[in-house]
Amino acid sequence: MLALPGQVRVVQADRGDVVRPGGQAQLAQPGRVDHCGRAAHVTGPAPGEYGPYRRVGRRLRAAQQKVAIASSAKSNESMKAGAFSDNTVQVYEGLRGNKLTAAQKKKLLGIVEAFAGRAKADAAKVRMAEVSKHLADTYVTWAGGIEDDSAFYVRVHSPVVWVEVDCQAPGPLAGAYGASQGDGATQKHVHSIIRTPNGNDYGKELLRQHYLTSPHHQ
């Protein structure tokens, strides 16, 4: 399989690894739309839709929040490994998994499972087992508020998985939200992504590697 154009390469500066996040990008804008004749308006996310993500921030103790929460303010866009982020340098940041209680670890795994669980059951089981194996080396980072209606950003970053959930400003869809272009981040406009660090999930250029490594091509 040849590598697709536009692949993202995130370098973990503290390890020097090249991380090629790929895989699944998700977009929510908005959570639900009610149709009124020819018009549509946003009624907000489905109840409990963001529960697995918010619960991580809310279940942290005060001392843990000081480490995990990078900022109590939420910018219009916080995503690190989205579009146009090739060769981003991103060190591990936030609260490490080995500092979490058993209950908190379960909540953290719930974020990943919300994405990995979309795969077939056997594939999801293998993926979650891999993530669990590296839980002690997993970091969670938070920005924004932790209330039910707060805009937030959460990132889960480990040697085997990268997940981001980012409430963003409404942008060109502001009218559908009953908002204005200049309004800040909202739960009604959420981008999220799951990637595989070091996993080459965009595929390898096998023919090129063959030419570079095979003696009869030297």
N, C-alpha and C. Protein backbone atom coordinates (compact mmCIF):
# COMPACT_ATOMS: atom_id res chain seq x y z
N MET A 1 0.86 -1.19 0.00
CA MET A 1 0.00 0.00 0.00
C MET A 1 0.89 1.24 0.00
N LEU A 2 0.62 2.19 -0.89
CA LEU A 2 1.40 3.40 -0.96
C LEU A 2 0.87 4.42 0.03
N ALA A 3 1.76 5.27 0.52
CA ALA A 3 1.34 6.30 1.46
C ALA A 3 0.45 7.31 0.75
N LEU A 4 -0.59 7.73 1.40
CA LEU A 4 -1.49 8.72 0.83
C LEU A 4 -0.92 10.11 1.03
N PRO A 5 -1.23 11.04 0.13
CA PRO A 5 -0.74 12.41 0.31
C PRO A 5 -1.38 13.06 1.53
N GLY A 6 -0.66 14.01 2.10
CA GLY A 6 -1.21 14.76 3.21
C GLY A 6 -1.14 14.04 4.54
N GLN A 7 -0.32 12.99 4.64
CA GLN A 7 -0.25 12.27 5.90
C GLN A 7 0.34 13.18 6.97
N VAL A 8 -0.10 12.99 8.19
CA VAL A 8 0.34 13.80 9.31
C VAL A 8 1.50 13.11 9.99
N ARG A 9 2.53 13.83 10.27
CA ARG A 9 3.66 13.28 11.02
C ARG A 9 3.83 14.12 12.28
N VAL A 10 3.59 13.51 13.40
CA VAL A 10 3.74 14.20 14.68
C VAL A 10 4.97 13.64 15.36
N VAL A 11 5.93 14.47 15.67
CA VAL A 11 7.17 14.01 16.29
C VAL A 11 7.09 14.22 17.79
N GLN A 12 7.31 13.14 18.52
CA GLN A 12 7.38 13.25 19.97
C GLN A 12 8.79 13.70 20.33
N ALA A 13 8.93 14.96 20.68
CA ALA A 13 10.26 15.54 20.83
C ALA A 13 11.05 14.89 21.95
N ASP A 14 10.36 14.34 22.95
CA ASP A 14 11.09 13.76 24.08
C ASP A 14 11.61 12.37 23.75
N ARG A 15 11.13 11.77 22.66
CA ARG A 15 11.58 10.43 22.29
C ARG A 15 12.22 10.41 20.92
N GLY A 16 11.95 11.41 20.12
CA GLY A 16 12.50 11.44 18.78
C GLY A 16 11.78 10.52 17.82
N ASP A 17 10.62 10.01 18.19
CA ASP A 17 9.87 9.13 17.32
C ASP A 17 9.11 9.93 16.27
N VAL A 18 8.98 9.35 15.09
CA VAL A 18 8.09 9.93 14.10
C VAL A 18 6.75 9.24 14.24
N VAL A 19 5.74 10.03 14.53
CA VAL A 19 4.40 9.50 14.75
C VAL A 19 3.56 9.88 13.55
N ARG A 20 3.01 8.89 12.90
CA ARG A 20 2.17 9.17 11.74
C ARG A 20 0.72 8.92 12.11
N PRO A 21 0.06 9.91 12.71
CA PRO A 21 -1.33 9.70 13.02
C PRO A 21 -2.16 9.61 11.75
N GLY A 22 -3.04 8.67 11.72
CA GLY A 22 -3.94 8.52 10.59
C GLY A 22 -5.23 7.94 11.09
N GLY A 23 -6.02 7.36 10.27
CA GLY A 23 -7.18 6.65 10.73
C GLY A 23 -8.45 7.44 10.60
N GLN A 24 -9.09 7.73 11.69
CA GLN A 24 -10.47 8.17 11.66
C GLN A 24 -10.63 9.59 12.15
N ALA A 25 -11.21 10.44 11.34
CA ALA A 25 -11.56 11.79 11.75
C ALA A 25 -13.07 11.89 11.79
N GLN A 26 -13.57 12.55 12.82
CA GLN A 26 -15.01 12.68 12.97
C GLN A 26 -15.37 14.14 13.11
N LEU A 27 -16.56 14.48 12.67
CA LEU A 27 -17.01 15.85 12.68
C LEU A 27 -18.44 15.89 13.18
N ALA A 28 -18.71 16.77 14.11
CA ALA A 28 -20.07 16.91 14.63
C ALA A 28 -20.49 18.36 14.52
N GLN A 29 -21.37 18.65 13.57
CA GLN A 29 -21.84 20.01 13.44
C GLN A 29 -23.19 20.02 12.74
N PRO A 30 -24.22 19.96 13.52
CA PRO A 30 -24.31 19.89 14.98
C PRO A 30 -24.65 18.49 15.45
N GLY A 31 -24.97 18.34 16.76
CA GLY A 31 -25.36 17.05 17.28
C GLY A 31 -26.72 16.60 16.75
N ARG A 32 -27.70 17.50 16.76
CA ARG A 32 -29.03 17.18 16.23
C ARG A 32 -29.54 18.38 15.45
N VAL A 33 -30.28 18.13 14.41
CA VAL A 33 -30.88 19.21 13.64
C VAL A 33 -32.37 18.95 13.53
N ASP A 34 -33.20 19.91 13.90
CA ASP A 34 -34.64 19.82 13.74
C ASP A 34 -35.03 20.57 12.47
N HIS A 35 -35.80 19.92 11.63
CA HIS A 35 -36.21 20.54 10.37
C HIS A 35 -37.56 21.21 10.54
N CYS A 36 -37.65 22.48 10.17
CA CYS A 36 -38.89 23.24 10.24
C CYS A 36 -39.19 23.73 8.83
N GLY A 37 -39.96 22.98 8.10
CA GLY A 37 -40.18 23.33 6.71
C GLY A 37 -38.90 23.18 5.94
N ARG A 38 -38.45 24.27 5.34
CA ARG A 38 -37.20 24.24 4.57
C ARG A 38 -36.01 24.68 5.40
N ALA A 39 -36.26 25.15 6.60
CA ALA A 39 -35.18 25.66 7.44
C ALA A 39 -34.72 24.58 8.42
N ALA A 40 -33.56 24.78 9.00
CA ALA A 40 -33.04 23.87 10.01
C ALA A 40 -32.41 24.69 11.12
N HIS A 41 -32.54 24.25 12.34
CA HIS A 41 -31.86 24.93 13.44
C HIS A 41 -31.29 23.89 14.39
N VAL A 42 -30.27 24.30 15.11
CA VAL A 42 -29.56 23.39 15.99
C VAL A 42 -30.22 23.34 17.35
N THR A 43 -30.43 22.14 17.86
CA THR A 43 -30.99 22.01 19.20
C THR A 43 -29.95 21.52 20.19
N GLY A 44 -28.72 21.31 19.71
CA GLY A 44 -27.65 20.91 20.61
C GLY A 44 -27.32 19.44 20.50
N PRO A 45 -26.25 19.00 21.16
CA PRO A 45 -25.84 17.61 21.11
C PRO A 45 -26.85 16.71 21.78
N ALA A 46 -26.84 15.45 21.39
CA ALA A 46 -27.73 14.49 22.02
C ALA A 46 -27.38 14.34 23.49
N PRO A 47 -28.36 14.10 24.35
CA PRO A 47 -28.09 13.96 25.79
C PRO A 47 -27.02 12.91 26.06
N GLY A 48 -26.03 13.28 26.84
CA GLY A 48 -24.98 12.34 27.21
C GLY A 48 -23.94 12.09 26.14
N GLU A 49 -24.05 12.78 24.99
CA GLU A 49 -23.13 12.52 23.88
C GLU A 49 -21.68 12.75 24.27
N TYR A 50 -21.43 13.79 25.05
CA TYR A 50 -20.07 14.13 25.43
C TYR A 50 -19.73 13.68 26.85
N GLY A 51 -20.59 12.90 27.44
CA GLY A 51 -20.39 12.43 28.81
C GLY A 51 -19.06 11.73 29.03
N PRO A 52 -18.68 10.76 28.16
CA PRO A 52 -17.41 10.05 28.40
C PRO A 52 -16.20 10.96 28.44
N TYR A 53 -16.26 12.07 27.69
CA TYR A 53 -15.13 12.99 27.66
C TYR A 53 -15.13 13.90 28.88
N ARG A 54 -16.30 14.49 29.19
CA ARG A 54 -16.39 15.43 30.32
C ARG A 54 -16.09 14.75 31.64
N ARG A 55 -16.50 13.49 31.76
CA ARG A 55 -16.34 12.82 33.06
C ARG A 55 -14.88 12.69 33.46
N VAL A 56 -13.99 12.62 32.49
CA VAL A 56 -12.57 12.54 32.82
C VAL A 56 -12.13 13.80 33.54
N GLY A 57 -12.46 14.96 32.99
CA GLY A 57 -12.08 16.22 33.62
C GLY A 57 -12.72 16.41 34.98
N ARG A 58 -13.97 16.02 35.11
CA ARG A 58 -14.69 16.25 36.36
C ARG A 58 -14.28 15.30 37.47
N ARG A 59 -13.76 14.14 37.10
CA ARG A 59 -13.39 13.15 38.12
C ARG A 59 -11.97 13.34 38.64
N LEU A 60 -11.24 14.28 38.08
CA LEU A 60 -9.88 14.51 38.56
C LEU A 60 -9.90 15.30 39.86
N ARG A 61 -9.00 14.96 40.75
CA ARG A 61 -8.86 15.70 41.99
C ARG A 61 -8.19 17.04 41.71
N ALA A 62 -8.29 17.94 42.68
CA ALA A 62 -7.77 19.29 42.48
C ALA A 62 -6.29 19.28 42.10
N ALA A 63 -5.50 18.47 42.78
CA ALA A 63 -4.06 18.39 42.47
C ALA A 63 -3.82 17.82 41.08
N GLN A 64 -4.66 16.87 40.67
CA GLN A 64 -4.52 16.28 39.34
C GLN A 64 -4.92 17.27 38.26
N GLN A 65 -5.97 18.06 38.53
CA GLN A 65 -6.42 19.04 37.56
C GLN A 65 -5.33 20.07 37.27
N LYS A 66 -4.55 20.40 38.28
CA LYS A 66 -3.47 21.37 38.08
C LYS A 66 -2.46 20.88 37.06
N VAL A 67 -2.30 19.56 36.97
CA VAL A 67 -1.36 18.97 36.02
C VAL A 67 -2.02 18.73 34.66
N ALA A 68 -3.26 18.24 34.69
CA ALA A 68 -3.94 17.84 33.45
C ALA A 68 -4.47 19.01 32.65
N ILE A 69 -4.96 20.05 33.33
CA ILE A 69 -5.61 21.16 32.64
C ILE A 69 -4.56 22.16 32.18
N ALA A 70 -4.36 22.20 30.87
CA ALA A 70 -3.37 23.11 30.30
C ALA A 70 -3.86 24.55 30.34
N SER A 71 -5.18 24.74 30.22
CA SER A 71 -5.75 26.07 30.26
C SER A 71 -7.22 25.97 30.63
N SER A 72 -7.68 26.86 31.49
CA SER A 72 -9.09 26.90 31.85
C SER A 72 -9.90 27.62 30.78
N ALA A 73 -9.21 28.34 29.90
CA ALA A 73 -9.86 29.02 28.79
C ALA A 73 -9.82 28.12 27.56
N LYS A 74 -10.84 28.21 26.74
CA LYS A 74 -10.91 27.39 25.53
C LYS A 74 -10.78 28.29 24.31
N SER A 75 -9.77 28.03 23.50
CA SER A 75 -9.58 28.80 22.27
C SER A 75 -10.59 28.33 21.22
N ASN A 76 -10.64 29.05 20.11
CA ASN A 76 -11.58 28.69 19.06
C ASN A 76 -11.26 27.33 18.44
N GLU A 77 -10.00 26.96 18.44
CA GLU A 77 -9.59 25.66 17.91
C GLU A 77 -8.32 25.21 18.62
N SER A 78 -8.35 24.01 19.18
CA SER A 78 -7.21 23.51 19.95
C SER A 78 -6.57 22.28 19.34
N MET A 79 -7.17 21.69 18.33
CA MET A 79 -6.70 20.42 17.77
C MET A 79 -5.26 20.54 17.26
N LYS A 80 -4.45 19.54 17.59
CA LYS A 80 -3.03 19.53 17.24
C LYS A 80 -2.72 18.70 15.99
N ALA A 81 -3.46 17.63 15.77
CA ALA A 81 -3.14 16.70 14.69
C ALA A 81 -4.26 16.62 13.67
N GLY A 82 -4.90 17.75 13.43
CA GLY A 82 -5.93 17.80 12.42
C GLY A 82 -5.34 18.10 11.05
N ALA A 83 -6.14 18.71 10.19
CA ALA A 83 -5.68 19.02 8.84
C ALA A 83 -4.54 20.03 8.86
N PHE A 84 -3.63 19.90 7.90
CA PHE A 84 -2.52 20.83 7.70
C PHE A 84 -1.57 20.86 8.90
N SER A 85 -1.41 19.73 9.57
CA SER A 85 -0.54 19.68 10.75
C SER A 85 0.65 18.74 10.53
N ASP A 86 1.09 18.62 9.30
CA ASP A 86 2.23 17.76 9.02
C ASP A 86 3.45 18.21 9.81
N ASN A 87 4.18 17.23 10.33
CA ASN A 87 5.44 17.47 11.04
C ASN A 87 5.27 18.31 12.31
N THR A 88 4.11 18.22 12.89
CA THR A 88 3.90 18.87 14.17
C THR A 88 4.78 18.24 15.25
N VAL A 89 5.39 19.05 16.09
CA VAL A 89 6.17 18.55 17.21
C VAL A 89 5.31 18.61 18.46
N GLN A 90 5.03 17.47 19.05
CA GLN A 90 4.15 17.42 20.21
C GLN A 90 4.74 16.49 21.26
N VAL A 91 5.16 17.06 22.37
CA VAL A 91 5.66 16.25 23.47
C VAL A 91 4.49 15.75 24.29
N TYR A 92 4.72 14.73 25.11
CA TYR A 92 3.70 14.29 26.03
C TYR A 92 3.40 15.44 26.99
N GLU A 93 2.13 15.62 27.28
CA GLU A 93 1.71 16.75 28.10
C GLU A 93 0.51 16.34 28.94
N GLY A 94 0.45 16.85 30.16
CA GLY A 94 -0.70 16.61 31.01
C GLY A 94 -0.44 15.59 32.10
N LEU A 95 -1.49 14.90 32.50
CA LEU A 95 -1.43 13.97 33.61
C LEU A 95 -1.18 12.56 33.10
N ARG A 96 -0.18 11.90 33.67
CA ARG A 96 0.19 10.56 33.22
C ARG A 96 -0.73 9.51 33.83
N GLY A 97 -0.96 8.45 33.07
CA GLY A 97 -1.90 7.41 33.49
C GLY A 97 -1.54 6.73 34.79
N ASN A 98 -0.26 6.64 35.10
CA ASN A 98 0.13 5.97 36.34
C ASN A 98 -0.18 6.81 37.58
N LYS A 99 -0.69 8.02 37.37
CA LYS A 99 -1.09 8.89 38.49
C LYS A 99 -2.60 8.86 38.70
N LEU A 100 -3.30 8.02 37.95
CA LEU A 100 -4.75 7.94 38.05
C LEU A 100 -5.18 6.80 38.94
N THR A 101 -6.35 6.95 39.53
CA THR A 101 -6.94 5.86 40.30
C THR A 101 -7.54 4.84 39.33
N ALA A 102 -7.92 3.70 39.84
CA ALA A 102 -8.52 2.67 39.00
C ALA A 102 -9.78 3.18 38.31
N ALA A 103 -10.60 3.91 39.06
CA ALA A 103 -11.84 4.46 38.49
C ALA A 103 -11.54 5.49 37.41
N GLN A 104 -10.51 6.32 37.63
CA GLN A 104 -10.16 7.33 36.65
C GLN A 104 -9.57 6.70 35.39
N LYS A 105 -8.82 5.64 35.57
CA LYS A 105 -8.27 4.93 34.39
C LYS A 105 -9.40 4.38 33.53
N LYS A 106 -10.44 3.91 34.17
CA LYS A 106 -11.59 3.38 33.44
C LYS A 106 -12.25 4.49 32.62
N LYS A 107 -12.36 5.67 33.20
CA LYS A 107 -12.94 6.80 32.47
C LYS A 107 -12.06 7.20 31.30
N LEU A 108 -10.75 7.15 31.50
CA LEU A 108 -9.82 7.50 30.44
C LEU A 108 -9.94 6.50 29.28
N LEU A 109 -10.02 5.23 29.61
CA LEU A 109 -10.19 4.21 28.58
C LEU A 109 -11.52 4.39 27.85
N GLY A 110 -12.50 4.94 28.56
CA GLY A 110 -13.80 5.18 27.94
C GLY A 110 -13.73 6.15 26.78
N ILE A 111 -12.81 7.13 26.86
CA ILE A 111 -12.63 8.06 25.75
C ILE A 111 -12.15 7.32 24.52
N VAL A 112 -11.14 6.49 24.69
CA VAL A 112 -10.59 5.74 23.55
C VAL A 112 -11.62 4.76 23.01
N GLU A 113 -12.33 4.12 23.92
CA GLU A 113 -13.31 3.11 23.49
C GLU A 113 -14.44 3.73 22.69
N ALA A 114 -14.76 4.99 22.96
CA ALA A 114 -15.80 5.67 22.20
C ALA A 114 -15.44 5.73 20.72
N PHE A 115 -14.14 5.69 20.42
CA PHE A 115 -13.67 5.69 19.03
C PHE A 115 -13.35 4.28 18.55
N ALA A 116 -12.51 3.58 19.32
CA ALA A 116 -12.10 2.23 18.91
C ALA A 116 -13.29 1.29 18.84
N GLY A 117 -14.29 1.53 19.66
CA GLY A 117 -15.46 0.66 19.69
C GLY A 117 -16.31 0.72 18.44
N ARG A 118 -16.02 1.64 17.54
CA ARG A 118 -16.75 1.71 16.29
C ARG A 118 -16.30 0.64 15.31
N ALA A 119 -15.16 0.05 15.59
CA ALA A 119 -14.66 -1.03 14.72
C ALA A 119 -15.41 -2.32 15.04
N LYS A 120 -15.17 -3.35 14.24
CA LYS A 120 -15.76 -4.65 14.53
C LYS A 120 -15.28 -5.13 15.89
N ALA A 121 -16.08 -5.95 16.52
CA ALA A 121 -15.84 -6.33 17.91
C ALA A 121 -14.45 -6.92 18.13
N ASP A 122 -14.00 -7.80 17.24
CA ASP A 122 -12.70 -8.43 17.45
C ASP A 122 -11.57 -7.42 17.30
N ALA A 123 -11.69 -6.53 16.31
CA ALA A 123 -10.67 -5.50 16.11
C ALA A 123 -10.66 -4.51 17.27
N ALA A 124 -11.84 -4.13 17.75
CA ALA A 124 -11.92 -3.21 18.88
C ALA A 124 -11.31 -3.82 20.14
N LYS A 125 -11.53 -5.11 20.33
CA LYS A 125 -10.99 -5.79 21.50
C LYS A 125 -9.46 -5.77 21.49
N VAL A 126 -8.88 -6.04 20.32
CA VAL A 126 -7.42 -6.03 20.19
C VAL A 126 -6.88 -4.63 20.42
N ARG A 127 -7.55 -3.64 19.85
CA ARG A 127 -7.08 -2.25 19.99
C ARG A 127 -7.13 -1.81 21.45
N MET A 128 -8.21 -2.11 22.13
CA MET A 128 -8.34 -1.69 23.52
C MET A 128 -7.35 -2.42 24.42
N ALA A 129 -7.05 -3.66 24.10
CA ALA A 129 -6.05 -4.40 24.88
C ALA A 129 -4.69 -3.74 24.74
N GLU A 130 -4.37 -3.28 23.54
CA GLU A 130 -3.10 -2.61 23.29
C GLU A 130 -3.05 -1.28 24.05
N VAL A 131 -4.14 -0.54 24.01
CA VAL A 131 -4.20 0.74 24.72
C VAL A 131 -4.06 0.52 26.23
N SER A 132 -4.75 -0.48 26.74
CA SER A 132 -4.69 -0.79 28.18
C SER A 132 -3.27 -1.16 28.61
N LYS A 133 -2.58 -1.86 27.75
CA LYS A 133 -1.21 -2.30 28.06
C LYS A 133 -0.28 -1.11 28.27
N HIS A 134 -0.56 -0.01 27.60
CA HIS A 134 0.28 1.19 27.69
C HIS A 134 -0.36 2.29 28.52
N LEU A 135 -1.32 1.92 29.36
CA LEU A 135 -2.07 2.93 30.10
C LEU A 135 -1.19 3.75 31.03
N ALA A 136 -0.19 3.13 31.62
CA ALA A 136 0.69 3.86 32.53
C ALA A 136 1.48 4.94 31.82
N ASP A 137 1.68 4.78 30.51
CA ASP A 137 2.43 5.75 29.71
C ASP A 137 1.50 6.62 28.86
N THR A 138 0.25 6.68 29.26
CA THR A 138 -0.75 7.48 28.55
C THR A 138 -0.94 8.81 29.27
N TYR A 139 -1.05 9.87 28.51
CA TYR A 139 -1.22 11.21 29.09
C TYR A 139 -2.57 11.79 28.66
N VAL A 140 -3.22 12.46 29.59
CA VAL A 140 -4.47 13.15 29.28
C VAL A 140 -4.28 14.64 29.51
N THR A 141 -4.71 15.42 28.54
CA THR A 141 -4.58 16.88 28.60
C THR A 141 -5.96 17.50 28.39
N TRP A 142 -6.25 18.54 29.13
CA TRP A 142 -7.57 19.17 29.10
C TRP A 142 -7.43 20.68 28.94
N ALA A 143 -8.38 21.28 28.23
CA ALA A 143 -8.48 22.73 28.16
C ALA A 143 -9.96 23.11 28.17
N GLY A 144 -10.28 24.24 28.79
CA GLY A 144 -11.66 24.68 28.85
C GLY A 144 -12.31 24.32 30.17
N GLY A 145 -13.64 24.43 30.21
CA GLY A 145 -14.38 24.16 31.43
C GLY A 145 -14.76 22.71 31.58
N ILE A 146 -15.29 22.38 32.75
CA ILE A 146 -15.69 21.00 33.03
C ILE A 146 -17.18 20.90 33.35
N GLU A 147 -17.91 21.99 33.17
CA GLU A 147 -19.35 21.95 33.40
C GLU A 147 -20.06 21.31 32.21
N ASP A 148 -21.32 20.96 32.41
CA ASP A 148 -22.06 20.23 31.37
C ASP A 148 -22.11 20.99 30.05
N ASP A 149 -22.19 22.32 30.10
CA ASP A 149 -22.34 23.08 28.87
C ASP A 149 -21.05 23.79 28.46
N SER A 150 -19.94 23.45 29.10
CA SER A 150 -18.67 24.12 28.81
C SER A 150 -18.05 23.61 27.52
N ALA A 151 -17.48 24.52 26.74
CA ALA A 151 -16.65 24.11 25.62
C ALA A 151 -15.34 23.55 26.18
N PHE A 152 -14.84 22.48 25.60
CA PHE A 152 -13.66 21.83 26.15
C PHE A 152 -12.82 21.20 25.04
N TYR A 153 -11.61 20.85 25.40
CA TYR A 153 -10.70 20.09 24.54
C TYR A 153 -10.05 19.03 25.40
N VAL A 154 -10.01 17.79 24.92
CA VAL A 154 -9.32 16.73 25.64
C VAL A 154 -8.48 15.93 24.66
N ARG A 155 -7.28 15.61 25.09
CA ARG A 155 -6.38 14.80 24.25
C ARG A 155 -5.86 13.62 25.06
N VAL A 156 -5.89 12.45 24.47
CA VAL A 156 -5.31 11.25 25.06
C VAL A 156 -4.15 10.84 24.15
N HIS A 157 -2.97 10.74 24.72
CA HIS A 157 -1.75 10.55 23.93
C HIS A 157 -0.90 9.48 24.59
N SER A 158 -0.65 8.40 23.85
CA SER A 158 0.19 7.32 24.36
C SER A 158 1.06 6.79 23.22
N PRO A 159 1.94 5.83 23.49
CA PRO A 159 2.74 5.28 22.40
C PRO A 159 1.92 4.57 21.33
N VAL A 160 0.65 4.26 21.62
CA VAL A 160 -0.14 3.47 20.67
C VAL A 160 -1.45 4.12 20.24
N VAL A 161 -1.82 5.24 20.83
CA VAL A 161 -3.07 5.88 20.43
C VAL A 161 -2.99 7.39 20.65
N TRP A 162 -3.70 8.10 19.80
CA TRP A 162 -3.82 9.55 19.89
C TRP A 162 -5.28 9.89 19.63
N VAL A 163 -5.95 10.50 20.60
CA VAL A 163 -7.35 10.88 20.46
C VAL A 163 -7.49 12.35 20.83
N GLU A 164 -8.21 13.10 20.03
CA GLU A 164 -8.53 14.48 20.35
C GLU A 164 -10.03 14.71 20.17
N VAL A 165 -10.61 15.43 21.11
CA VAL A 165 -11.99 15.89 21.02
C VAL A 165 -11.96 17.39 21.27
N ASP A 166 -12.41 18.18 20.31
CA ASP A 166 -12.21 19.62 20.36
C ASP A 166 -13.49 20.38 20.03
N CYS A 167 -14.03 21.09 21.01
CA CYS A 167 -15.15 22.00 20.77
C CYS A 167 -14.59 23.26 20.11
N GLN A 168 -15.11 23.60 18.94
CA GLN A 168 -14.56 24.71 18.18
C GLN A 168 -15.59 25.82 17.99
N ALA A 169 -15.10 26.96 17.53
CA ALA A 169 -15.98 28.08 17.23
C ALA A 169 -16.91 27.70 16.07
N PRO A 170 -18.10 28.27 16.01
CA PRO A 170 -19.08 27.85 15.00
C PRO A 170 -18.68 28.12 13.57
N GLY A 171 -17.86 29.14 13.32
CA GLY A 171 -17.41 29.40 11.97
C GLY A 171 -18.56 29.70 11.02
N PRO A 172 -18.48 29.19 9.78
CA PRO A 172 -19.50 29.52 8.77
C PRO A 172 -20.89 28.98 9.10
N LEU A 173 -20.99 28.06 10.06
CA LEU A 173 -22.28 27.51 10.44
C LEU A 173 -22.91 28.25 11.62
N ALA A 174 -22.37 29.40 11.94
CA ALA A 174 -22.84 30.13 13.11
C ALA A 174 -24.35 30.36 13.09
N GLY A 175 -24.89 30.67 11.92
CA GLY A 175 -26.32 30.93 11.82
C GLY A 175 -27.16 29.74 12.23
N ALA A 176 -26.70 28.54 11.90
CA ALA A 176 -27.44 27.33 12.26
C ALA A 176 -27.46 27.13 13.77
N TYR A 177 -26.46 27.68 14.45
CA TYR A 177 -26.37 27.53 15.91
C TYR A 177 -27.08 28.67 16.63
N GLY A 178 -27.61 29.62 15.88
CA GLY A 178 -28.15 30.81 16.52
C GLY A 178 -27.04 31.66 17.09
N ALA A 179 -25.86 31.57 16.48
CA ALA A 179 -24.68 32.28 16.97
C ALA A 179 -24.17 33.24 15.90
N SER A 180 -23.10 33.94 16.23
CA SER A 180 -22.46 34.87 15.31
C SER A 180 -21.05 34.39 15.01
N GLN A 181 -20.47 34.87 13.92
CA GLN A 181 -19.14 34.44 13.50
C GLN A 181 -18.09 34.65 14.58
N GLY A 182 -18.24 35.70 15.38
CA GLY A 182 -17.23 36.00 16.38
C GLY A 182 -17.39 35.25 17.69
N ASP A 183 -18.43 34.42 17.79
CA ASP A 183 -18.66 33.69 19.03
C ASP A 183 -17.57 32.66 19.27
N GLY A 184 -17.36 32.30 20.52
CA GLY A 184 -16.31 31.36 20.88
C GLY A 184 -16.70 29.91 20.67
N ALA A 185 -15.84 29.02 21.16
CA ALA A 185 -16.04 27.58 20.99
C ALA A 185 -17.34 27.12 21.63
N THR A 186 -17.95 26.10 21.05
CA THR A 186 -19.22 25.60 21.52
C THR A 186 -19.30 24.09 21.36
N GLN A 187 -20.07 23.44 22.20
CA GLN A 187 -20.29 22.01 22.09
C GLN A 187 -21.11 21.65 20.85
N LYS A 188 -21.68 22.64 20.20
CA LYS A 188 -22.46 22.37 19.00
C LYS A 188 -21.60 22.20 17.76
N HIS A 189 -20.31 22.45 17.89
CA HIS A 189 -19.38 22.29 16.76
C HIS A 189 -18.13 21.59 17.28
N VAL A 190 -18.09 20.29 17.12
CA VAL A 190 -17.02 19.48 17.70
C VAL A 190 -16.29 18.69 16.61
N HIS A 191 -14.98 18.77 16.62
CA HIS A 191 -14.15 17.95 15.75
C HIS A 191 -13.43 16.93 16.64
N SER A 192 -13.28 15.72 16.15
CA SER A 192 -12.57 14.70 16.92
C SER A 192 -11.81 13.79 15.98
N ILE A 193 -10.79 13.15 16.52
CA ILE A 193 -9.92 12.34 15.67
C ILE A 193 -9.26 11.24 16.49
N ILE A 194 -9.01 10.10 15.87
CA ILE A 194 -8.23 9.04 16.50
C ILE A 194 -7.10 8.68 15.55
N ARG A 195 -5.91 8.56 16.09
CA ARG A 195 -4.72 8.26 15.30
C ARG A 195 -3.92 7.14 15.96
N THR A 196 -2.95 6.64 15.23
CA THR A 196 -2.08 5.58 15.76
C THR A 196 -0.62 6.01 15.69
N PRO A 197 -0.05 6.52 16.77
CA PRO A 197 1.37 6.89 16.75
C PRO A 197 2.24 5.70 16.38
N ASN A 198 3.21 5.95 15.54
CA ASN A 198 4.17 4.93 15.10
C ASN A 198 3.50 3.78 14.37
N GLY A 199 2.23 3.90 14.06
CA GLY A 199 1.50 2.77 13.49
C GLY A 199 1.42 2.75 11.99
N ASN A 200 1.88 3.82 11.34
CA ASN A 200 1.86 3.89 9.89
C ASN A 200 0.48 3.58 9.32
N ASP A 201 -0.53 4.21 9.89
CA ASP A 201 -1.88 3.88 9.46
C ASP A 201 -2.29 4.53 8.15
N TYR A 202 -1.35 5.19 7.47
CA TYR A 202 -1.60 5.62 6.11
C TYR A 202 -0.96 4.67 5.10
N GLY A 203 -0.26 3.66 5.60
CA GLY A 203 0.37 2.70 4.71
C GLY A 203 1.81 3.07 4.40
N LYS A 204 2.61 2.07 4.07
CA LYS A 204 4.02 2.27 3.76
C LYS A 204 4.25 2.27 2.25
N GLU A 205 5.24 3.02 1.84
CA GLU A 205 5.65 2.99 0.44
C GLU A 205 6.57 1.77 0.26
N LEU A 206 5.97 0.60 0.10
CA LEU A 206 6.73 -0.65 0.09
C LEU A 206 7.70 -0.72 -1.08
N LEU A 207 7.28 -0.25 -2.24
CA LEU A 207 8.17 -0.32 -3.40
C LEU A 207 9.39 0.57 -3.18
N ARG A 208 9.19 1.76 -2.65
CA ARG A 208 10.31 2.67 -2.38
C ARG A 208 11.24 2.07 -1.35
N GLN A 209 10.69 1.46 -0.32
CA GLN A 209 11.53 0.83 0.70
C GLN A 209 12.34 -0.31 0.10
N HIS A 210 11.71 -1.03 -0.81
CA HIS A 210 12.42 -2.13 -1.47
C HIS A 210 13.63 -1.61 -2.25
N TYR A 211 13.42 -0.53 -3.00
CA TYR A 211 14.53 0.04 -3.77
C TYR A 211 15.64 0.56 -2.87
N LEU A 212 15.29 1.10 -1.72
CA LEU A 212 16.28 1.68 -0.84
C LEU A 212 17.05 0.65 -0.01
N THR A 213 16.45 -0.50 0.23
CA THR A 213 17.06 -1.46 1.15
C THR A 213 17.56 -2.76 0.51
N SER A 214 17.12 -3.05 -0.69
CA SER A 214 17.51 -4.32 -1.32
C SER A 214 18.89 -4.18 -1.97
N PRO A 215 19.82 -5.11 -1.69
CA PRO A 215 21.19 -5.02 -2.21
C PRO A 215 21.26 -4.93 -3.73
N HIS A 216 20.37 -5.62 -4.44
CA HIS A 216 20.48 -5.61 -5.91
C HIS A 216 20.00 -4.30 -6.52
N HIS A 217 19.54 -3.37 -5.70
CA HIS A 217 19.19 -2.05 -6.19
C HIS A 217 20.18 -1.00 -5.72
N GLN A 218 21.19 -1.41 -5.01
CA GLN A 218 22.16 -0.46 -4.49
C GLN A 218 23.17 -0.08 -5.57
